[in-house]
């Protein structure tokens, strides 16, 4: 299944009301992003670190996402919902942690366009507690040209990610993390 097809399937499930994400309400004027991440890779991926530029997560981000499953979170803020998460995992089943996937979103809640951004690379470039790329990621998110994003590392890791975000004050953002064969 391609990333676009996987995202479309996640969005269909959300729109059909089959998941809790549809129960997100606009409460107290908060901009809300319901995030979904699908692990389409070869093994379980593990939460590495969050970044909240505006707003915060309700509860916790999923600590891990098993292969071929999805996980969700809700992020809200008075002045918009803008954040990012990093997950890490192996390139192959049972392998060492080599890959990092970054998923960022922005739901301004003021009528401006919602945005999403993904990037991928070696896990060593995103060390827990010491990620120095946050301002670059934020700039790339704010400069994103549309409501979708795609990244692939064909050189080092084979990590791949795609994302999409729906319009609206209360938005749904979906992302697919994967690993491809390096040629």
C-alpha atoms as a PDB file:
ATOM      1  CA  UNK A   1       0.000   0.000   0.000  1.00  0.00           C
ATOM      2  CA  UNK A   2       1.354   3.444  -0.889  1.00  0.00           C
ATOM      3  CA  UNK A   3       1.613   6.222   1.689  1.00  0.00           C
ATOM      4  CA  UNK A   4      -1.099   8.264  -0.014  1.00  0.00           C
ATOM      5  CA  UNK A   5      -3.440   5.295   0.006  1.00  0.00           C
ATOM      6  CA  UNK A   6      -2.647   4.557   3.667  1.00  0.00           C
ATOM      7  CA  UNK A   7      -3.330   8.197   4.607  1.00  0.00           C
ATOM      8  CA  UNK A   8      -6.590   8.136   2.637  1.00  0.00           C
ATOM      9  CA  UNK A   9      -7.643   4.970   4.493  1.00  0.00           C
ATOM     10  CA  UNK A  10      -6.857   6.555   7.886  1.00  0.00           C
ATOM     11  CA  UNK A  11      -8.810   9.665   6.921  1.00  0.00           C
ATOM     12  CA  UNK A  12     -11.798   7.540   5.811  1.00  0.00           C
ATOM     13  CA  UNK A  13     -11.850   5.763   9.159  1.00  0.00           C
ATOM     14  CA  UNK A  14     -11.739   9.083  10.982  1.00  0.00           C
ATOM     15  CA  UNK A  15     -14.511  10.576   8.843  1.00  0.00           C
ATOM     16  CA  UNK A  16     -16.655   7.471   9.336  1.00  0.00           C
ATOM     17  CA  UNK A  17     -16.443   8.090  13.069  1.00  0.00           C
ATOM     18  CA  UNK A  18     -14.759   4.783  13.803  1.00  0.00           C
ATOM     19  CA  UNK A  19     -12.168   6.346  16.083  1.00  0.00           C
ATOM     20  CA  UNK A  20     -12.059   8.595  19.127  1.00  0.00           C
ATOM     21  CA  UNK A  21     -10.373  11.346  17.146  1.00  0.00           C
ATOM     22  CA  UNK A  22     -13.776  12.424  15.845  1.00  0.00           C
ATOM     23  CA  UNK A  23     -14.821  13.175  19.408  1.00  0.00           C
ATOM     24  CA  UNK A  24     -12.394  16.070  19.673  1.00  0.00           C
ATOM     25  CA  UNK A  25     -14.432  19.163  20.477  1.00  0.00           C
ATOM     26  CA  UNK A  26     -13.660  22.827  20.163  1.00  0.00           C
ATOM     27  CA  UNK A  27     -13.656  23.567  23.862  1.00  0.00           C
ATOM     28  CA  UNK A  28     -12.847  26.940  25.302  1.00  0.00           C
ATOM     29  CA  UNK A  29     -11.712  28.324  21.940  1.00  0.00           C
ATOM     30  CA  UNK A  30      -8.724  25.990  21.721  1.00  0.00           C
ATOM     31  CA  UNK A  31      -7.242  25.059  18.364  1.00  0.00           C
ATOM     32  CA  UNK A  32      -7.006  21.269  18.286  1.00  0.00           C
ATOM     33  CA  UNK A  33      -5.012  18.781  16.227  1.00  0.00           C
ATOM     34  CA  UNK A  34      -5.877  15.117  16.363  1.00  0.00           C
ATOM     35  CA  UNK A  35      -2.742  13.275  15.281  1.00  0.00           C
ATOM     36  CA  UNK A  36      -2.559   9.780  13.805  1.00  0.00           C
ATOM     37  CA  UNK A  37       0.670   7.940  13.074  1.00  0.00           C
ATOM     38  CA  UNK A  38       0.740   4.680  11.119  1.00  0.00           C
ATOM     39  CA  UNK A  39       3.870   2.546  11.456  1.00  0.00           C
ATOM     40  CA  UNK A  40       4.243   0.970   8.046  1.00  0.00           C
ATOM     41  CA  UNK A  41       7.830  -0.073   8.740  1.00  0.00           C
ATOM     42  CA  UNK A  42       9.517  -3.335   9.622  1.00  0.00           C
ATOM     43  CA  UNK A  43       9.414  -3.274  13.453  1.00  0.00           C
ATOM     44  CA  UNK A  44       8.089  -1.349  16.464  1.00  0.00           C
ATOM     45  CA  UNK A  45       9.020   2.330  16.645  1.00  0.00           C
ATOM     46  CA  UNK A  46       9.604   4.177  19.927  1.00  0.00           C
ATOM     47  CA  UNK A  47       8.753   7.726  20.984  1.00  0.00           C
ATOM     48  CA  UNK A  48      11.943   9.781  21.289  1.00  0.00           C
ATOM     49  CA  UNK A  49      10.984  13.373  22.011  1.00  0.00           C
ATOM     50  CA  UNK A  50       8.232  15.999  21.570  1.00  0.00           C
ATOM     51  CA  UNK A  51       8.377  19.692  20.811  1.00  0.00           C
ATOM     52  CA  UNK A  52       5.479  21.999  21.665  1.00  0.00           C
ATOM     53  CA  UNK A  53       5.788  25.456  20.107  1.00  0.00           C
ATOM     54  CA  UNK A  54       2.175  26.349  20.804  1.00  0.00           C
ATOM     55  CA  UNK A  55      -0.174  24.237  22.910  1.00  0.00           C
ATOM     56  CA  UNK A  56       0.404  20.870  24.496  1.00  0.00           C
ATOM     57  CA  UNK A  57      -0.576  17.249  24.226  1.00  0.00           C
ATOM     58  CA  UNK A  58      -3.597  16.016  26.164  1.00  0.00           C
ATOM     59  CA  UNK A  59      -2.334  12.997  28.064  1.00  0.00           C
ATOM     60  CA  UNK A  60       0.743  11.436  26.485  1.00  0.00           C
ATOM     61  CA  UNK A  61       2.120  10.727  23.055  1.00  0.00           C
ATOM     62  CA  UNK A  62       2.042   7.015  22.190  1.00  0.00           C
ATOM     63  CA  UNK A  63       5.199   5.504  23.793  1.00  0.00           C
ATOM     64  CA  UNK A  64       5.585   3.021  20.954  1.00  0.00           C
ATOM     65  CA  UNK A  65       3.778   2.013  17.784  1.00  0.00           C
ATOM     66  CA  UNK A  66       3.839  -1.602  16.727  1.00  0.00           C
ATOM     67  CA  UNK A  67       4.419  -2.525  13.105  1.00  0.00           C
ATOM     68  CA  UNK A  68       1.362  -2.203  10.835  1.00  0.00           C
ATOM     69  CA  UNK A  69      -0.645  -0.403  13.530  1.00  0.00           C
ATOM     70  CA  UNK A  70      -1.571   3.201  14.174  1.00  0.00           C
ATOM     71  CA  UNK A  71      -1.622   5.356  17.288  1.00  0.00           C
ATOM     72  CA  UNK A  72      -3.203   8.700  18.061  1.00  0.00           C
ATOM     73  CA  UNK A  73      -2.802  11.781  20.207  1.00  0.00           C
ATOM     74  CA  UNK A  74      -4.583  15.089  20.737  1.00  0.00           C
ATOM     75  CA  UNK A  75      -2.762  18.422  20.868  1.00  0.00           C
ATOM     76  CA  UNK A  76      -4.464  21.727  21.841  1.00  0.00           C
ATOM     77  CA  UNK A  77      -3.512  25.354  22.313  1.00  0.00           C
ATOM     78  CA  UNK A  78      -5.017  28.798  22.914  1.00  0.00           C
ATOM     79  CA  UNK A  79      -2.837  30.371  20.230  1.00  0.00           C
ATOM     80  CA  UNK A  80      -2.897  27.431  17.872  1.00  0.00           C
ATOM     81  CA  UNK A  81      -1.722  23.851  18.014  1.00  0.00           C
ATOM     82  CA  UNK A  82       1.862  23.587  16.778  1.00  0.00           C
ATOM     83  CA  UNK A  83       4.190  20.774  17.682  1.00  0.00           C
ATOM     84  CA  UNK A  84       6.310  17.891  16.506  1.00  0.00           C
ATOM     85  CA  UNK A  85       7.283  14.395  17.581  1.00  0.00           C
ATOM     86  CA  UNK A  86      10.283  12.212  16.848  1.00  0.00           C
ATOM     87  CA  UNK A  87      10.048   8.417  16.755  1.00  0.00           C
ATOM     88  CA  UNK A  88      13.002   6.082  16.254  1.00  0.00           C
ATOM     89  CA  UNK A  89      13.326   2.465  15.211  1.00  0.00           C
ATOM     90  CA  UNK A  90      15.142  -0.130  13.121  1.00  0.00           C
ATOM     91  CA  UNK A  91      15.420  -0.454   9.357  1.00  0.00           C
ATOM     92  CA  UNK A  92      14.697  -4.159   9.570  1.00  0.00           C
ATOM     93  CA  UNK A  93      12.944  -6.545  11.941  1.00  0.00           C
ATOM     94  CA  UNK A  94      15.048  -7.056  15.055  1.00  0.00           C
ATOM     95  CA  UNK A  95      17.668  -4.549  13.928  1.00  0.00           C
ATOM     96  CA  UNK A  96      19.295  -1.762  15.877  1.00  0.00           C
ATOM     97  CA  UNK A  97      17.723   1.693  16.166  1.00  0.00           C
ATOM     98  CA  UNK A  98      18.948   3.417  13.010  1.00  0.00           C
ATOM     99  CA  UNK A  99      16.055   5.522  11.723  1.00  0.00           C
ATOM    100  CA  UNK A 100      14.280   8.646  12.930  1.00  0.00           C
ATOM    101  CA  UNK A 101      10.918   9.950  11.732  1.00  0.00           C
ATOM    102  CA  UNK A 102       9.754  13.512  12.495  1.00  0.00           C
ATOM    103  CA  UNK A 103       6.085  14.545  12.225  1.00  0.00           C
ATOM    104  CA  UNK A 104       5.208  18.242  12.707  1.00  0.00           C
ATOM    105  CA  UNK A 105       1.829  20.015  12.471  1.00  0.00           C
ATOM    106  CA  UNK A 106       0.325  23.468  12.758  1.00  0.00           C
ATOM    107  CA  UNK A 107      -3.364  24.200  13.268  1.00  0.00           C
ATOM    108  CA  UNK A 108      -3.424  27.983  13.836  1.00  0.00           C
ATOM    109  CA  UNK A 109      -7.123  28.092  14.724  1.00  0.00           C
ATOM    110  CA  UNK A 110      -7.498  31.556  13.208  1.00  0.00           C
ATOM    111  CA  UNK A 111      -8.631  30.784   9.678  1.00  0.00           C
ATOM    112  CA  UNK A 112      -5.132  30.542   8.219  1.00  0.00           C
ATOM    113  CA  UNK A 113      -4.107  27.322   6.480  1.00  0.00           C
ATOM    114  CA  UNK A 114      -3.160  24.275   8.530  1.00  0.00           C
ATOM    115  CA  UNK A 115       0.267  22.832   7.710  1.00  0.00           C
ATOM    116  CA  UNK A 116       2.264  19.670   8.174  1.00  0.00           C
ATOM    117  CA  UNK A 117       5.896  18.712   7.676  1.00  0.00           C
ATOM    118  CA  UNK A 118       7.861  15.463   7.908  1.00  0.00           C
ATOM    119  CA  UNK A 119      11.555  14.677   7.809  1.00  0.00           C
ATOM    120  CA  UNK A 120      13.592  11.513   8.224  1.00  0.00           C
ATOM    121  CA  UNK A 121      17.182  10.543   8.825  1.00  0.00           C
ATOM    122  CA  UNK A 122      19.598   8.662  11.038  1.00  0.00           C
ATOM    123  CA  UNK A 123      18.485   8.282  14.666  1.00  0.00           C
ATOM    124  CA  UNK A 124      21.857   9.672  15.786  1.00  0.00           C
ATOM    125  CA  UNK A 125      20.844  13.057  14.301  1.00  0.00           C
ATOM    126  CA  UNK A 126      17.932  13.232  16.804  1.00  0.00           C
ATOM    127  CA  UNK A 127      19.493  12.357  20.196  1.00  0.00           C
ATOM    128  CA  UNK A 128      17.021  12.137  23.066  1.00  0.00           C
ATOM    129  CA  UNK A 129      17.056  15.332  25.109  1.00  0.00           C
ATOM    130  CA  UNK A 130      19.508  17.025  22.757  1.00  0.00           C
ATOM    131  CA  UNK A 131      17.834  17.583  19.410  1.00  0.00           C
ATOM    132  CA  UNK A 132      19.307  20.727  17.892  1.00  0.00           C
ATOM    133  CA  UNK A 133      17.117  20.820  14.764  1.00  0.00           C
ATOM    134  CA  UNK A 134      13.894  22.131  16.351  1.00  0.00           C
ATOM    135  CA  UNK A 135      14.145  25.655  14.916  1.00  0.00           C
ATOM    136  CA  UNK A 136      14.933  24.268  11.448  1.00  0.00           C
ATOM    137  CA  UNK A 137      11.954  21.913  11.697  1.00  0.00           C
ATOM    138  CA  UNK A 138       9.709  24.797  12.812  1.00  0.00           C
ATOM    139  CA  UNK A 139      10.880  27.009   9.922  1.00  0.00           C
ATOM    140  CA  UNK A 140      10.271  24.191   7.437  1.00  0.00           C
ATOM    141  CA  UNK A 141       6.795  23.638   8.903  1.00  0.00           C
ATOM    142  CA  UNK A 142       5.859  27.322   8.713  1.00  0.00           C
ATOM    143  CA  UNK A 143       7.217  27.537   5.150  1.00  0.00           C
ATOM    144  CA  UNK A 144       5.497  24.328   4.023  1.00  0.00           C
ATOM    145  CA  UNK A 145       3.649  25.051   0.782  1.00  0.00           C
ATOM    146  CA  UNK A 146       0.563  22.958   1.419  1.00  0.00           C
ATOM    147  CA  UNK A 147      -1.332  20.460   3.502  1.00  0.00           C
ATOM    148  CA  UNK A 148       0.878  17.457   2.642  1.00  0.00           C
ATOM    149  CA  UNK A 149       4.534  16.578   3.120  1.00  0.00           C
ATOM    150  CA  UNK A 150       6.829  13.725   2.079  1.00  0.00           C
ATOM    151  CA  UNK A 151      10.445  12.853   2.905  1.00  0.00           C
ATOM    152  CA  UNK A 152      12.720   9.939   2.109  1.00  0.00           C
ATOM    153  CA  UNK A 153      16.333   9.153   2.999  1.00  0.00           C
ATOM    154  CA  UNK A 154      17.628   7.124   0.057  1.00  0.00           C
ATOM    155  CA  UNK A 155      21.229   7.443   1.199  1.00  0.00           C
ATOM    156  CA  UNK A 156      21.674   6.373   4.837  1.00  0.00           C
ATOM    157  CA  UNK A 157      18.583   4.801   6.393  1.00  0.00           C
ATOM    158  CA  UNK A 158      15.819   4.189   3.879  1.00  0.00           C
ATOM    159  CA  UNK A 159      13.412   5.952   6.264  1.00  0.00           C
ATOM    160  CA  UNK A 160      10.351   7.464   4.594  1.00  0.00           C
ATOM    161  CA  UNK A 161       7.459   9.548   5.908  1.00  0.00           C
ATOM    162  CA  UNK A 162       4.367  11.206   4.472  1.00  0.00           C
ATOM    163  CA  UNK A 163       1.768  13.383   6.144  1.00  0.00           C
ATOM    164  CA  UNK A 164      -1.458  15.219   5.478  1.00  0.00           C
ATOM    165  CA  UNK A 165      -3.525  17.686   7.494  1.00  0.00           C
ATOM    166  CA  UNK A 166      -7.183  18.590   7.025  1.00  0.00           C
ATOM    167  CA  UNK A 167      -8.442  22.187   7.060  1.00  0.00           C
ATOM    168  CA  UNK A 168     -10.401  23.574   9.985  1.00  0.00           C
ATOM    169  CA  UNK A 169     -10.214  24.954  13.486  1.00  0.00           C
ATOM    170  CA  UNK A 170     -10.213  21.389  14.801  1.00  0.00           C
ATOM    171  CA  UNK A 171      -8.003  19.399  12.472  1.00  0.00           C
ATOM    172  CA  UNK A 172      -6.912  15.838  11.821  1.00  0.00           C
ATOM    173  CA  UNK A 173      -3.258  15.300  10.871  1.00  0.00           C
ATOM    174  CA  UNK A 174      -2.105  11.882   9.682  1.00  0.00           C
ATOM    175  CA  UNK A 175       1.362  10.526   9.052  1.00  0.00           C
ATOM    176  CA  UNK A 176       2.807   7.267   7.720  1.00  0.00           C
ATOM    177  CA  UNK A 177       6.294   6.104   8.717  1.00  0.00           C
ATOM    178  CA  UNK A 178       8.029   3.494   6.583  1.00  0.00           C
ATOM    179  CA  UNK A 179      11.383   2.052   5.518  1.00  0.00           C
ATOM    180  CA  UNK A 180      12.333   1.493   1.898  1.00  0.00           C
ATOM    181  CA  UNK A 181      15.151  -0.495   0.376  1.00  0.00           C
ATOM    182  CA  UNK A 182      18.269   1.558  -0.284  1.00  0.00           C
ATOM    183  CA  UNK A 183      19.586   1.070  -3.778  1.00  0.00           C
END
